[in-house]
Amino acid sequence: MGANWVILTPSWTYTRNSPPILELVSGQDAPWFDLQDNIQQARGRNLSVAVFPMVRFPTNSGQWWNEGKRNFSWWVVWFERYRAFILDHADLAARN
């Protein structure tokens, strides 16, 4: 079919809601080493690679967002954790 792209969707998981903790969970979320290996294998087969990170929720995403108290400190922690998630995957993409 002439497809030449591989789109990886690495994830981190919300393990808590209050405060919101977004982190790599062993056995659910692929570590850097595995992602780098996948990227190198795809590129070795002359495929282009895109990285599209996703978050995982322990419950339905709508339910997770409706739970808990959202105050200023909650949002500060949420932005800190989400920023770390995005920068981690941006670094992965930039290095590979």
PDB file of N, CA and C in Angstrom:
ATOM      1  N   MET A   1       0.815  -1.194   0.000  1.00  0.00           N
ATOM      2  CA  MET A   1       0.000   0.000   0.000  1.00  0.00           C
ATOM      3  C   MET A   1       0.856   1.254   0.000  1.00  0.00           C
ATOM      4  N   GLY A   2       2.143   1.117   0.171  1.00  0.00           N
ATOM      5  CA  GLY A   2       3.023   2.272   0.118  1.00  0.00           C
ATOM      6  C   GLY A   2       3.095   3.070   1.408  1.00  0.00           C
ATOM      7  N   ALA A   3       2.566   2.552   2.484  1.00  0.00           N
ATOM      8  CA  ALA A   3       2.650   3.273   3.761  1.00  0.00           C
ATOM      9  C   ALA A   3       4.096   3.283   4.222  1.00  0.00           C
ATOM     10  N   ASN A   4       4.535   4.430   4.731  1.00  0.00           N
ATOM     11  CA  ASN A   4       5.919   4.506   5.184  1.00  0.00           C
ATOM     12  C   ASN A   4       6.043   5.225   6.522  1.00  0.00           C
ATOM     13  N   TRP A   5       4.969   5.259   7.298  1.00  0.00           N
ATOM     14  CA  TRP A   5       4.985   5.904   8.608  1.00  0.00           C
ATOM     15  C   TRP A   5       4.615   4.916   9.702  1.00  0.00           C
ATOM     16  N   VAL A   6       5.300   5.062  10.835  1.00  0.00           N
ATOM     17  CA  VAL A   6       4.941   4.362  12.057  1.00  0.00           C
ATOM     18  C   VAL A   6       4.613   5.446  13.073  1.00  0.00           C
ATOM     19  N   ILE A   7       3.451   5.354  13.684  1.00  0.00           N
ATOM     20  CA  ILE A   7       3.057   6.332  14.700  1.00  0.00           C
ATOM     21  C   ILE A   7       3.047   5.629  16.048  1.00  0.00           C
ATOM     22  N   LEU A   8       3.966   6.061  16.909  1.00  0.00           N
ATOM     23  CA  LEU A   8       4.051   5.504  18.260  1.00  0.00           C
ATOM     24  C   LEU A   8       3.217   6.369  19.199  1.00  0.00           C
ATOM     25  N   THR A   9       2.481   5.721  20.082  1.00  0.00           N
ATOM     26  CA  THR A   9       1.658   6.456  21.050  1.00  0.00           C
ATOM     27  C   THR A   9       2.069   6.068  22.471  1.00  0.00           C
ATOM     28  N   PRO A  10       3.263   6.515  22.887  1.00  0.00           N
ATOM     29  CA  PRO A  10       3.707   6.197  24.247  1.00  0.00           C
ATOM     30  C   PRO A  10       2.803   6.885  25.262  1.00  0.00           C
ATOM     31  N   SER A  11       2.764   6.324  26.454  1.00  0.00           N
ATOM     32  CA  SER A  11       1.865   6.881  27.466  1.00  0.00           C
ATOM     33  C   SER A  11       2.540   6.972  28.829  1.00  0.00           C
ATOM     34  N   TRP A  12       1.947   7.808  29.651  1.00  0.00           N
ATOM     35  CA  TRP A  12       2.137   7.809  31.094  1.00  0.00           C
ATOM     36  C   TRP A  12       0.741   7.679  31.675  1.00  0.00           C
ATOM     37  N   THR A  13       0.653   7.280  32.938  1.00  0.00           N
ATOM     38  CA  THR A  13      -0.632   7.000  33.559  1.00  0.00           C
ATOM     39  C   THR A  13      -0.858   7.908  34.764  1.00  0.00           C
ATOM     40  N   TYR A  14      -2.098   8.390  34.889  1.00  0.00           N
ATOM     41  CA  TYR A  14      -2.474   9.097  36.118  1.00  0.00           C
ATOM     42  C   TYR A  14      -2.660   8.042  37.194  1.00  0.00           C
ATOM     43  N   THR A  15      -1.849   8.113  38.238  1.00  0.00           N
ATOM     44  CA  THR A  15      -1.943   7.137  39.320  1.00  0.00           C
ATOM     45  C   THR A  15      -2.670   7.696  40.533  1.00  0.00           C
ATOM     46  N   ARG A  16      -2.860   9.003  40.552  1.00  0.00           N
ATOM     47  CA  ARG A  16      -3.625   9.657  41.628  1.00  0.00           C
ATOM     48  C   ARG A  16      -4.361  10.834  41.028  1.00  0.00           C
ATOM     49  N   ASN A  17      -5.412  11.250  41.723  1.00  0.00           N
ATOM     50  CA  ASN A  17      -6.166  12.405  41.260  1.00  0.00           C
ATOM     51  C   ASN A  17      -5.895  13.620  42.125  1.00  0.00           C
ATOM     52  N   SER A  18      -5.694  13.404  43.402  1.00  0.00           N
ATOM     53  CA  SER A  18      -5.498  14.549  44.292  1.00  0.00           C
ATOM     54  C   SER A  18      -4.349  14.272  45.253  1.00  0.00           C
ATOM     55  N   PRO A  19      -3.182  14.829  45.000  1.00  0.00           N
ATOM     56  CA  PRO A  19      -2.812  15.661  43.862  1.00  0.00           C
ATOM     57  C   PRO A  19      -2.680  14.805  42.603  1.00  0.00           C
ATOM     58  N   PRO A  20      -2.805  15.417  41.433  1.00  0.00           N
ATOM     59  CA  PRO A  20      -2.708  14.641  40.197  1.00  0.00           C
ATOM     60  C   PRO A  20      -1.277  14.177  39.945  1.00  0.00           C
ATOM     61  N   ILE A  21      -1.111  12.871  39.865  1.00  0.00           N
ATOM     62  CA  ILE A  21       0.213  12.305  39.611  1.00  0.00           C
ATOM     63  C   ILE A  21       0.173  11.592  38.271  1.00  0.00           C
ATOM     64  N   LEU A  22       0.987  12.062  37.341  1.00  0.00           N
ATOM     65  CA  LEU A  22       1.111  11.486  36.004  1.00  0.00           C
ATOM     66  C   LEU A  22       2.523  10.942  35.906  1.00  0.00           C
ATOM     67  N   GLU A  23       2.637   9.620  35.734  1.00  0.00           N
ATOM     68  CA  GLU A  23       3.957   9.011  35.759  1.00  0.00           C
ATOM     69  C   GLU A  23       3.998   7.747  34.910  1.00  0.00           C
ATOM     70  N   LEU A  24       5.205   7.292  34.658  1.00  0.00           N
ATOM     71  CA  LEU A  24       5.431   6.057  33.934  1.00  0.00           C
ATOM     72  C   LEU A  24       5.112   4.893  34.866  1.00  0.00           C
ATOM     73  N   VAL A  25       4.242   3.993  34.441  1.00  0.00           N
ATOM     74  CA  VAL A  25       3.878   2.824  35.235  1.00  0.00           C
ATOM     75  C   VAL A  25       4.445   1.586  34.553  1.00  0.00           C
ATOM     76  N   SER A  26       5.306   0.898  35.251  1.00  0.00           N
ATOM     77  CA  SER A  26       5.937  -0.298  34.720  1.00  0.00           C
ATOM     78  C   SER A  26       4.866  -1.326  34.331  1.00  0.00           C
ATOM     79  N   GLY A  27       5.024  -1.906  33.152  1.00  0.00           N
ATOM     80  CA  GLY A  27       4.082  -2.904  32.681  1.00  0.00           C
ATOM     81  C   GLY A  27       2.911  -2.320  31.903  1.00  0.00           C
ATOM     82  N   GLN A  28       2.704  -1.005  31.995  1.00  0.00           N
ATOM     83  CA  GLN A  28       1.626  -0.352  31.253  1.00  0.00           C
ATOM     84  C   GLN A  28       2.168   0.654  30.249  1.00  0.00           C
ATOM     85  N   ASP A  29       3.192   1.375  30.653  1.00  0.00           N
ATOM     86  CA  ASP A  29       3.752   2.449  29.826  1.00  0.00           C
ATOM     87  C   ASP A  29       5.167   2.061  29.417  1.00  0.00           C
ATOM     88  N   ALA A  30       5.457   2.217  28.128  1.00  0.00           N
ATOM     89  CA  ALA A  30       6.770   1.811  27.606  1.00  0.00           C
ATOM     90  C   ALA A  30       7.865   2.771  28.079  1.00  0.00           C
ATOM     91  N   PRO A  31       8.961   2.231  28.596  1.00  0.00           N
ATOM     92  CA  PRO A  31      10.092   3.081  28.985  1.00  0.00           C
ATOM     93  C   PRO A  31      10.854   3.583  27.752  1.00  0.00           C
ATOM     94  N   TRP A  32      11.670   4.603  27.985  1.00  0.00           N
ATOM     95  CA  TRP A  32      12.465   5.221  26.920  1.00  0.00           C
ATOM     96  C   TRP A  32      13.229   4.192  26.112  1.00  0.00           C
ATOM     97  N   PHE A  33      13.889   3.265  26.795  1.00  0.00           N
ATOM     98  CA  PHE A  33      14.723   2.280  26.107  1.00  0.00           C
ATOM     99  C   PHE A  33      13.912   1.515  25.067  1.00  0.00           C
ATOM    100  N   ASP A  34      12.720   1.074  25.429  1.00  0.00           N
ATOM    101  CA  ASP A  34      11.876   0.332  24.490  1.00  0.00           C
ATOM    102  C   ASP A  34      11.429   1.212  23.328  1.00  0.00           C
ATOM    103  N   LEU A  35      11.076   2.453  23.627  1.00  0.00           N
ATOM    104  CA  LEU A  35      10.649   3.369  22.569  1.00  0.00           C
ATOM    105  C   LEU A  35      11.789   3.659  21.598  1.00  0.00           C
ATOM    106  N   GLN A  36      12.987   3.893  22.145  1.00  0.00           N
ATOM    107  CA  GLN A  36      14.144   4.128  21.281  1.00  0.00           C
ATOM    108  C   GLN A  36      14.406   2.920  20.392  1.00  0.00           C
ATOM    109  N   ASP A  37      14.275   1.727  20.934  1.00  0.00           N
ATOM    110  CA  ASP A  37      14.481   0.510  20.162  1.00  0.00           C
ATOM    111  C   ASP A  37      13.446   0.413  19.037  1.00  0.00           C
ATOM    112  N   ASN A  38      12.180   0.713  19.342  1.00  0.00           N
ATOM    113  CA  ASN A  38      11.134   0.692  18.315  1.00  0.00           C
ATOM    114  C   ASN A  38      11.419   1.712  17.211  1.00  0.00           C
ATOM    115  N   ILE A  39      11.849   2.897  17.602  1.00  0.00           N
ATOM    116  CA  ILE A  39      12.159   3.943  16.626  1.00  0.00           C
ATOM    117  C   ILE A  39      13.316   3.509  15.733  1.00  0.00           C
ATOM    118  N   GLN A  40      14.369   2.972  16.337  1.00  0.00           N
ATOM    119  CA  GLN A  40      15.522   2.540  15.557  1.00  0.00           C
ATOM    120  C   GLN A  40      15.166   1.403  14.605  1.00  0.00           C
ATOM    121  N   GLN A  41      14.326   0.468  15.041  1.00  0.00           N
ATOM    122  CA  GLN A  41      13.909  -0.629  14.169  1.00  0.00           C
ATOM    123  C   GLN A  41      13.100  -0.103  12.987  1.00  0.00           C
ATOM    124  N   ALA A  42      12.197   0.818  13.241  1.00  0.00           N
ATOM    125  CA  ALA A  42      11.379   1.387  12.167  1.00  0.00           C
ATOM    126  C   ALA A  42      12.251   2.156  11.174  1.00  0.00           C
ATOM    127  N   ARG A  43      13.140   2.962  11.708  1.00  0.00           N
ATOM    128  CA  ARG A  43      14.020   3.741  10.823  1.00  0.00           C
ATOM    129  C   ARG A  43      14.946   2.830  10.040  1.00  0.00           C
ATOM    130  N   GLY A  44      15.355   1.715  10.648  1.00  0.00           N
ATOM    131  CA  GLY A  44      16.187   0.737   9.948  1.00  0.00           C
ATOM    132  C   GLY A  44      15.466   0.099   8.763  1.00  0.00           C
ATOM    133  N   ARG A  45      14.149   0.172   8.773  1.00  0.00           N
ATOM    134  CA  ARG A  45      13.341  -0.347   7.665  1.00  0.00           C
ATOM    135  C   ARG A  45      12.855   0.784   6.751  1.00  0.00           C
ATOM    136  N   ASN A  46      13.556   1.930   6.869  1.00  0.00           N
ATOM    137  CA  ASN A  46      13.255   3.121   6.046  1.00  0.00           C
ATOM    138  C   ASN A  46      11.839   3.652   6.243  1.00  0.00           C
ATOM    139  N   LEU A  47      11.357   3.568   7.473  1.00  0.00           N
ATOM    140  CA  LEU A  47      10.047   4.120   7.809  1.00  0.00           C
ATOM    141  C   LEU A  47      10.234   5.428   8.563  1.00  0.00           C
ATOM    142  N   SER A  48       9.338   6.357   8.339  1.00  0.00           N
ATOM    143  CA  SER A  48       9.323   7.589   9.124  1.00  0.00           C
ATOM    144  C   SER A  48       8.573   7.301  10.416  1.00  0.00           C
ATOM    145  N   VAL A  49       8.951   7.991  11.486  1.00  0.00           N
ATOM    146  CA  VAL A  49       8.350   7.734  12.798  1.00  0.00           C
ATOM    147  C   VAL A  49       7.790   9.030  13.369  1.00  0.00           C
ATOM    148  N   ALA A  50       6.578   8.944  13.890  1.00  0.00           N
ATOM    149  CA  ALA A  50       5.960  10.055  14.607  1.00  0.00           C
ATOM    150  C   ALA A  50       5.696   9.600  16.037  1.00  0.00           C
ATOM    151  N   VAL A  51       5.861  10.519  16.974  1.00  0.00           N
ATOM    152  CA  VAL A  51       5.596  10.229  18.386  1.00  0.00           C
ATOM    153  C   VAL A  51       4.393  11.061  18.806  1.00  0.00           C
ATOM    154  N   PHE A  52       3.335  10.392  19.239  1.00  0.00           N
ATOM    155  CA  PHE A  52       2.097  11.041  19.654  1.00  0.00           C
ATOM    156  C   PHE A  52       1.758  10.560  21.061  1.00  0.00           C
ATOM    157  N   PRO A  53       2.320  11.215  22.099  1.00  0.00           N
ATOM    158  CA  PRO A  53       2.113  10.741  23.472  1.00  0.00           C
ATOM    159  C   PRO A  53       0.660  10.881  23.923  1.00  0.00           C
ATOM    160  N   MET A  54       0.246   9.918  24.739  1.00  0.00           N
ATOM    161  CA  MET A  54      -1.114   9.877  25.261  1.00  0.00           C
ATOM    162  C   MET A  54      -1.061   9.660  26.780  1.00  0.00           C
ATOM    163  N   VAL A  55      -2.067  10.164  27.467  1.00  0.00           N
ATOM    164  CA  VAL A  55      -2.182   9.875  28.896  1.00  0.00           C
ATOM    165  C   VAL A  55      -3.189   8.750  29.092  1.00  0.00           C
ATOM    166  N   ARG A  56      -2.957   7.967  30.128  1.00  0.00           N
ATOM    167  CA  ARG A  56      -3.863   6.873  30.496  1.00  0.00           C
ATOM    168  C   ARG A  56      -4.514   7.222  31.823  1.00  0.00           C
ATOM    169  N   PHE A  57      -5.756   6.825  31.963  1.00  0.00           N
ATOM    170  CA  PHE A  57      -6.498   7.096  33.185  1.00  0.00           C
ATOM    171  C   PHE A  57      -6.841   5.775  33.867  1.00  0.00           C
ATOM    172  N   PRO A  58      -6.865   5.753  35.207  1.00  0.00           N
ATOM    173  CA  PRO A  58      -7.198   4.512  35.916  1.00  0.00           C
ATOM    174  C   PRO A  58      -8.684   4.158  35.778  1.00  0.00           C
ATOM    175  N   THR A  59      -9.500   5.142  35.429  1.00  0.00           N
ATOM    176  CA  THR A  59     -10.932   4.950  35.213  1.00  0.00           C
ATOM    177  C   THR A  59     -11.285   5.633  33.900  1.00  0.00           C
ATOM    178  N   ASN A  60     -12.542   5.750  33.606  1.00  0.00           N
ATOM    179  CA  ASN A  60     -13.008   6.519  32.461  1.00  0.00           C
ATOM    180  C   ASN A  60     -12.474   7.940  32.586  1.00  0.00           C
ATOM    181  N   SER A  61     -11.974   8.520  31.502  1.00  0.00           N
ATOM    182  CA  SER A  61     -11.360   9.852  31.578  1.00  0.00           C
ATOM    183  C   SER A  61     -12.347  10.908  32.079  1.00  0.00           C
ATOM    184  N   GLY A  62     -13.592  10.841  31.639  1.00  0.00           N
ATOM    185  CA  GLY A  62     -14.596  11.801  32.111  1.00  0.00           C
ATOM    186  C   GLY A  62     -14.822  11.690  33.607  1.00  0.00           C
ATOM    187  N   GLN A  63     -14.855  10.465  34.094  1.00  0.00           N
ATOM    188  CA  GLN A  63     -15.026  10.237  35.538  1.00  0.00           C
ATOM    189  C   GLN A  63     -13.821  10.785  36.300  1.00  0.00           C
ATOM    190  N   TRP A  64     -12.619  10.543  35.785  1.00  0.00           N
ATOM    191  CA  TRP A  64     -11.413  11.023  36.458  1.00  0.00           C
ATOM    192  C   TRP A  64     -11.434  12.542  36.576  1.00  0.00           C
ATOM    193  N   TRP A  65     -11.816  13.227  35.481  1.00  0.00           N
ATOM    194  CA  TRP A  65     -11.841  14.690  35.508  1.00  0.00           C
ATOM    195  C   TRP A  65     -12.926  15.238  36.421  1.00  0.00           C
ATOM    196  N   ASN A  66     -13.978  14.476  36.644  1.00  0.00           N
ATOM    197  CA  ASN A  66     -15.060  14.951  37.520  1.00  0.00           C
ATOM    198  C   ASN A  66     -14.796  14.688  38.993  1.00  0.00           C
ATOM    199  N   GLU A  67     -13.821  13.841  39.295  1.00  0.00           N
ATOM    200  CA  GLU A  67     -13.491  13.525  40.682  1.00  0.00           C
ATOM    201  C   GLU A  67     -12.587  14.586  41.280  1.00  0.00           C
ATOM    202  N   GLY A  68     -12.647  14.706  42.585  1.00  0.00           N
ATOM    203  CA  GLY A  68     -11.688  15.532  43.309  1.00  0.00           C
ATOM    204  C   GLY A  68     -11.937  17.026  43.222  1.00  0.00           C
ATOM    205  N   LYS A  69     -11.166  17.704  44.006  1.00  0.00           N
ATOM    206  CA  LYS A  69     -11.256  19.146  44.145  1.00  0.00           C
ATOM    207  C   LYS A  69     -10.235  19.822  43.242  1.00  0.00           C
ATOM    208  N   ARG A  70     -10.653  20.820  42.498  1.00  0.00           N
ATOM    209  CA  ARG A  70      -9.753  21.544  41.605  1.00  0.00           C
ATOM    210  C   ARG A  70      -9.530  22.955  42.139  1.00  0.00           C
ATOM    211  N   ASN A  71      -8.456  23.120  42.875  1.00  0.00           N
ATOM    212  CA  ASN A  71      -8.112  24.448  43.362  1.00  0.00           C
ATOM    213  C   ASN A  71      -6.789  24.876  42.721  1.00  0.00           C
ATOM    214  N   PHE A  72      -6.295  26.014  43.089  1.00  0.00           N
ATOM    215  CA  PHE A  72      -5.083  26.554  42.483  1.00  0.00           C
ATOM    216  C   PHE A  72      -3.902  25.594  42.624  1.00  0.00           C
ATOM    217  N   SER A  73      -3.690  25.035  43.802  1.00  0.00           N
ATOM    218  CA  SER A  73      -2.538  24.153  44.001  1.00  0.00           C
ATOM    219  C   SER A  73      -2.678  22.866  43.183  1.00  0.00           C
ATOM    220  N   TRP A  74      -3.907  22.375  43.005  1.00  0.00           N
ATOM    221  CA  TRP A  74      -4.131  21.186  42.177  1.00  0.00           C
ATOM    222  C   TRP A  74      -3.666  21.459  40.752  1.00  0.00           C
ATOM    223  N   TRP A  75      -4.058  22.621  40.221  1.00  0.00           N
ATOM    224  CA  TRP A  75      -3.685  22.963  38.846  1.00  0.00           C
ATOM    225  C   TRP A  75      -2.186  23.181  38.698  1.00  0.00           C
ATOM    226  N   VAL A  76      -1.545  23.730  39.708  1.00  0.00           N
ATOM    227  CA  VAL A  76      -0.084  23.907  39.653  1.00  0.00           C
ATOM    228  C   VAL A  76       0.591  22.547  39.516  1.00  0.00           C
ATOM    229  N   VAL A  77       0.165  21.580  40.331  1.00  0.00           N
ATOM    230  CA  VAL A  77       0.747  20.235  40.263  1.00  0.00           C
ATOM    231  C   VAL A  77       0.422  19.591  38.919  1.00  0.00           C
ATOM    232  N   TRP A  78      -0.826  19.740  38.463  1.00  0.00           N
ATOM    233  CA  TRP A  78      -1.219  19.149  37.178  1.00  0.00           C
ATOM    234  C   TRP A  78      -0.331  19.685  36.056  1.00  0.00           C
ATOM    235  N   PHE A  79      -0.135  21.009  35.979  1.00  0.00           N
ATOM    236  CA  PHE A  79       0.695  21.585  34.916  1.00  0.00           C
ATOM    237  C   PHE A  79       2.150  21.136  35.038  1.00  0.00           C
ATOM    238  N   GLU A  80       2.665  21.001  36.250  1.00  0.00           N
ATOM    239  CA  GLU A  80       4.042  20.529  36.434  1.00  0.00           C
ATOM    240  C   GLU A  80       4.206  19.113  35.897  1.00  0.00           C
ATOM    241  N   ARG A  81       3.278  18.222  36.255  1.00  0.00           N
ATOM    242  CA  ARG A  81       3.369  16.826  35.827  1.00  0.00           C
ATOM    243  C   ARG A  81       3.133  16.692  34.311  1.00  0.00           C
ATOM    244  N   TYR A  82       2.158  17.433  33.783  1.00  0.00           N
ATOM    245  CA  TYR A  82       1.877  17.344  32.353  1.00  0.00           C
ATOM    246  C   TYR A  82       3.046  17.908  31.542  1.00  0.00           C
ATOM    247  N   ARG A  83       3.649  18.974  32.047  1.00  0.00           N
ATOM    248  CA  ARG A  83       4.820  19.562  31.388  1.00  0.00           C
ATOM    249  C   ARG A  83       5.964  18.548  31.332  1.00  0.00           C
ATOM    250  N   ALA A  84       6.207  17.836  32.444  1.00  0.00           N
ATOM    251  CA  ALA A  84       7.259  16.820  32.473  1.00  0.00           C
ATOM    252  C   ALA A  84       6.968  15.717  31.457  1.00  0.00           C
ATOM    253  N   PHE A  85       5.712  15.314  31.356  1.00  0.00           N
ATOM    254  CA  PHE A  85       5.285  14.287  30.399  1.00  0.00           C
ATOM    255  C   PHE A  85       5.560  14.729  28.964  1.00  0.00           C
ATOM    256  N   ILE A  86       5.142  15.931  28.620  1.00  0.00           N
ATOM    257  CA  ILE A  86       5.317  16.436  27.255  1.00  0.00           C
ATOM    258  C   ILE A  86       6.792  16.637  26.927  1.00  0.00           C
ATOM    259  N   LEU A  87       7.553  17.225  27.854  1.00  0.00           N
ATOM    260  CA  LEU A  87       8.972  17.462  27.586  1.00  0.00           C
ATOM    261  C   LEU A  87       9.752  16.159  27.464  1.00  0.00           C
ATOM    262  N   ASP A  88       9.375  15.156  28.240  1.00  0.00           N
ATOM    263  CA  ASP A  88      10.040  13.858  28.154  1.00  0.00           C
ATOM    264  C   ASP A  88       9.887  13.275  26.752  1.00  0.00           C
ATOM    265  N   HIS A  89       8.675  13.348  26.219  1.00  0.00           N
ATOM    266  CA  HIS A  89       8.448  12.786  24.896  1.00  0.00           C
ATOM    267  C   HIS A  89       8.973  13.685  23.782  1.00  0.00           C
ATOM    268  N   ALA A  90       8.994  14.978  24.005  1.00  0.00           N
ATOM    269  CA  ALA A  90       9.614  15.884  23.016  1.00  0.00           C
ATOM    270  C   ALA A  90      11.114  15.609  22.934  1.00  0.00           C
ATOM    271  N   ASP A  91      11.728  15.360  24.076  1.00  0.00           N
ATOM    272  CA  ASP A  91      13.148  15.029  24.101  1.00  0.00           C
ATOM    273  C   ASP A  91      13.405  13.709  23.377  1.00  0.00           C
ATOM    274  N   LEU A  92      12.543  12.725  23.616  1.00  0.00           N
ATOM    275  CA  LEU A  92      12.655  11.440  22.919  1.00  0.00           C
ATOM    276  C   LEU A  92      12.598  11.642  21.407  1.00  0.00           C
ATOM    277  N   ALA A  93      11.625  12.420  20.955  1.00  0.00           N
ATOM    278  CA  ALA A  93      11.468  12.666  19.521  1.00  0.00           C
ATOM    279  C   ALA A  93      12.670  13.420  18.954  1.00  0.00           C
ATOM    280  N   ALA A  94      13.146  14.412  19.670  1.00  0.00           N
ATOM    281  CA  ALA A  94      14.264  15.208  19.186  1.00  0.00           C
ATOM    282  C   ALA A  94      15.557  14.384  19.086  1.00  0.00           C
ATOM    283  N   ARG A  95      15.749  13.489  20.007  1.00  0.00           N
ATOM    284  CA  ARG A  95      16.970  12.671  20.003  1.00  0.00           C
ATOM    285  C   ARG A  95      16.940  11.558  18.963  1.00  0.00           C
ATOM    286  N   ASN A  96      15.751  11.220  18.519  1.00  0.00           N
ATOM    287  CA  ASN A  96      15.635  10.103  17.586  1.00  0.00           C
ATOM    288  C   ASN A  96      15.135  10.543  16.236  1.00  0.00           C
TER     289      ASN A  96
END
